[in-house]
Every structure is written in structure tokens, then in C-alpha cells.
Amino acid sequence: MINHYYQLPIKFKTLMSTHKELPTCDLRQSIAQNIFLIITTKFKEHRYDESYGCEIWDMDFELVSNENKWLETIRKSVDNAIAKHEPRLYDISVDTDVTMDEHVSTLKSTKTVKKKLRIYVRGRLKQNGDSFSFNTNIYISPLSLD
């Protein structure tokens, strides 16, 4: 059984030039890194598996007439992607919600309002059945990370 996992991003230059050990993390951090990577990857962006990723990127600039339907589409996409590409979890549930977030630019003295998509993931670790949770915020249109 693997007891350590590599931290992302992997710095290959350091590995190749110094032959030092790469930084590692525990199982929970590794799963969280993978879920974050799934959420921030567009379908067909991963050269070796075009199904890796989720639909957020395809729906970022979509005109939303029904926010509940839009949220459900994103929720299902993230849920399916995690179920397919994170084999260390089971009993996975994903929840999403959207809020409006106001930003004030001190340089330009302007205010902007962005949609903040919150993604909550819960599940159980296959290794021992312990509960697992992960959450992140993504600002929509244009996409930016919290």
C-alpha cells in the first residue's frame, strides 16, 4: 500500500538537476489535489485521457436562463468526473451553489461583481472508510481561482 503521494505541481527541473526527493503529502491532500485538478481541467485538455476534467470550462460564459439547471449540470459533471477519476473515494456526493461576490479595485477605484461558484465534495476513503471532505470556490466569467 502506498503511504506517500507527491505534491502538485511536480517540479521536474528540481528532480532532474538535483536528484533530491520530491515533496510528498498524505492521502487526503493527494485526493484534494486531484479533485482540484479535475475541477480546473477542461475536457480533452489531458492528452492521454480526454474524459479527464469537468464541464465548468464549457459553461463558463454561457448565458444562464435557469440557474438551478446550470448548477445541476455542473454538479453532475463534477460528481461523474470524481467518481471516474478518483478511485480512492466511494459514496461521493457533490453540492454546488452560487453567490455574487463584490470586488473593489484600489488601483482603478472600481467595483466588480462576479459569480462565485462553491463546490463541496464529500465521500469516504476506500482505504479505511473514514469520511473525506473538500471544498473550493471558483469565480465565474471570466474564470479565476480563489
Protein backbone atom coordinates (compact mmCIF):
# COMPACT_ATOMS: atom_id res chain seq x y z
CA MET A 1 0.00 0.00 0.00
CA ILE A 2 1.28 3.46 -0.90
CA ASN A 3 1.97 5.59 2.18
CA HIS A 4 3.07 8.78 0.47
CA TYR A 5 1.96 10.78 -2.53
CA TYR A 6 3.66 13.58 -4.43
CA GLN A 7 2.65 17.20 -4.01
CA LEU A 8 1.45 19.12 -7.04
CA PRO A 9 2.82 20.79 -9.02
CA ILE A 10 5.74 18.44 -9.56
CA LYS A 11 8.94 20.38 -10.21
CA PHE A 12 10.71 18.19 -12.74
CA LYS A 13 13.60 20.61 -13.12
CA THR A 14 14.49 20.14 -9.46
CA LEU A 15 14.13 16.39 -9.75
CA MET A 16 16.35 16.15 -12.83
CA SER A 17 19.04 18.60 -11.74
CA THR A 18 19.47 17.88 -8.02
CA HIS A 19 18.27 14.28 -7.70
CA LYS A 20 16.51 15.24 -4.48
CA GLU A 21 13.35 13.60 -3.27
CA LEU A 22 10.16 15.32 -4.38
CA PRO A 23 7.91 16.79 -1.67
CA THR A 24 5.22 14.37 -0.56
CA CYS A 25 1.79 14.66 1.03
CA ASP A 26 -0.68 12.38 2.73
CA LEU A 27 -3.64 10.56 1.19
CA ARG A 28 -6.19 13.31 1.94
CA GLN A 29 -4.01 16.04 0.44
CA SER A 30 -3.38 13.90 -2.64
CA ILE A 31 -7.10 13.32 -3.17
CA ALA A 32 -7.81 17.04 -2.67
CA GLN A 33 -5.13 17.92 -5.23
CA ASN A 34 -6.63 15.51 -7.75
CA ILE A 35 -10.17 16.83 -7.22
CA PHE A 36 -8.93 20.40 -7.66
CA LEU A 37 -7.14 19.36 -10.85
CA ILE A 38 -10.30 17.66 -12.14
CA ILE A 39 -12.37 20.78 -11.42
CA THR A 40 -9.90 23.13 -13.13
CA THR A 41 -9.30 20.95 -16.20
CA LYS A 42 -11.34 21.23 -19.38
CA PHE A 43 -12.49 18.09 -21.19
CA LYS A 44 -9.98 16.99 -23.86
CA GLU A 45 -7.21 19.08 -22.26
CA HIS A 46 -5.46 16.00 -20.85
CA ARG A 47 -3.60 14.39 -23.74
CA TYR A 48 -3.85 10.80 -22.50
CA ASP A 49 -7.43 10.83 -21.24
CA GLU A 50 -9.82 13.24 -22.92
CA SER A 51 -12.54 12.45 -20.37
CA TYR A 52 -10.42 13.88 -17.51
CA GLY A 53 -11.86 17.19 -16.31
CA CYS A 54 -15.35 18.62 -15.97
CA GLU A 55 -17.87 20.81 -17.74
CA ILE A 56 -17.24 24.07 -15.85
CA TRP A 57 -14.94 25.34 -18.60
CA ASP A 58 -17.57 24.66 -21.27
CA MET A 59 -20.24 26.54 -19.30
CA ASP A 60 -18.20 29.50 -18.02
CA PHE A 61 -19.54 32.12 -20.45
CA GLU A 62 -22.91 30.52 -21.09
CA LEU A 63 -25.95 32.76 -20.79
CA VAL A 64 -27.85 31.27 -17.88
CA SER A 65 -31.62 31.36 -18.11
CA ASN A 66 -32.17 28.78 -15.37
CA GLU A 67 -29.50 28.93 -12.66
CA ASN A 68 -30.73 25.75 -10.93
CA LYS A 69 -30.41 23.74 -14.14
CA TRP A 70 -26.95 25.24 -14.77
CA LEU A 71 -25.82 24.36 -11.22
CA GLU A 72 -27.20 20.83 -11.54
CA THR A 73 -25.32 20.30 -14.82
CA ILE A 74 -22.07 21.40 -13.16
CA ARG A 75 -22.77 19.31 -10.06
CA LYS A 76 -23.39 16.16 -12.13
CA SER A 77 -20.29 16.80 -14.24
CA VAL A 78 -18.05 17.17 -11.17
CA ASP A 79 -19.69 14.18 -9.47
CA ASN A 80 -19.22 11.94 -12.53
CA ALA A 81 -15.62 13.11 -13.07
CA ILE A 82 -14.63 12.43 -9.46
CA ALA A 83 -16.34 9.02 -9.48
CA LYS A 84 -14.43 8.12 -12.66
CA HIS A 85 -11.02 9.65 -11.91
CA GLU A 86 -10.63 9.40 -8.14
CA PRO A 87 -10.64 5.68 -7.31
CA ARG A 88 -9.61 6.25 -3.69
CA LEU A 89 -13.10 7.55 -2.79
CA TYR A 90 -16.56 6.00 -2.65
CA ASP A 91 -20.01 7.18 -1.57
CA ILE A 92 -19.26 10.55 -3.23
CA SER A 93 -21.66 13.47 -3.08
CA VAL A 94 -21.17 16.89 -4.65
CA ASP A 95 -23.06 20.07 -3.84
CA THR A 96 -22.80 23.41 -5.62
CA ASP A 97 -24.12 26.89 -5.04
CA VAL A 98 -23.58 30.33 -6.49
CA THR A 99 -23.30 33.67 -4.75
CA MET A 100 -22.49 37.13 -6.00
CA ASP A 101 -19.17 38.48 -4.75
CA GLU A 102 -18.18 42.14 -4.93
CA HIS A 103 -14.57 43.12 -5.59
CA VAL A 104 -13.14 46.59 -5.18
CA SER A 105 -10.09 47.54 -7.22
CA THR A 106 -7.97 50.03 -5.31
CA LEU A 107 -5.91 50.86 -8.39
CA LYS A 108 -8.86 51.78 -10.59
CA SER A 109 -11.34 52.69 -7.85
CA THR A 110 -13.93 50.41 -9.43
CA LYS A 111 -16.25 47.72 -8.17
CA THR A 112 -16.94 44.49 -9.99
CA VAL A 113 -19.42 41.78 -9.18
CA LYS A 114 -18.56 38.19 -10.04
CA LYS A 115 -20.40 34.93 -9.60
CA LYS A 116 -18.68 32.72 -7.05
CA LEU A 117 -19.26 29.02 -7.63
CA ARG A 118 -18.78 26.97 -4.48
CA ILE A 119 -18.13 23.27 -4.85
CA TYR A 120 -18.43 20.91 -1.89
CA VAL A 121 -17.33 17.27 -2.18
CA ARG A 122 -17.90 14.61 0.44
CA GLY A 123 -17.13 10.92 0.37
CA ARG A 124 -15.42 8.06 2.13
CA LEU A 125 -11.87 6.80 1.81
CA LYS A 126 -11.69 3.29 0.35
CA GLN A 127 -8.57 2.65 2.43
CA ASN A 128 -10.34 2.79 5.79
CA GLY A 129 -13.90 4.11 5.37
CA ASP A 130 -13.12 7.46 7.03
CA SER A 131 -15.09 10.49 5.87
CA PHE A 132 -13.47 12.93 3.45
CA SER A 133 -14.48 16.47 2.52
CA PHE A 134 -13.18 19.07 0.10
CA ASN A 135 -14.45 22.48 -0.94
CA THR A 136 -13.29 25.23 -3.23
CA ASN A 137 -14.53 28.49 -4.73
CA ILE A 138 -14.24 29.45 -8.37
CA TYR A 139 -15.10 32.87 -9.74
CA ILE A 140 -17.06 32.56 -12.98
CA SER A 141 -16.92 34.67 -16.16
CA PRO A 142 -14.07 35.01 -16.62
CA LEU A 143 -12.84 32.03 -14.65
CA SER A 144 -10.44 32.89 -11.83
CA LEU A 145 -9.48 30.95 -8.73
CA ASP A 146 -9.98 31.92 -5.11
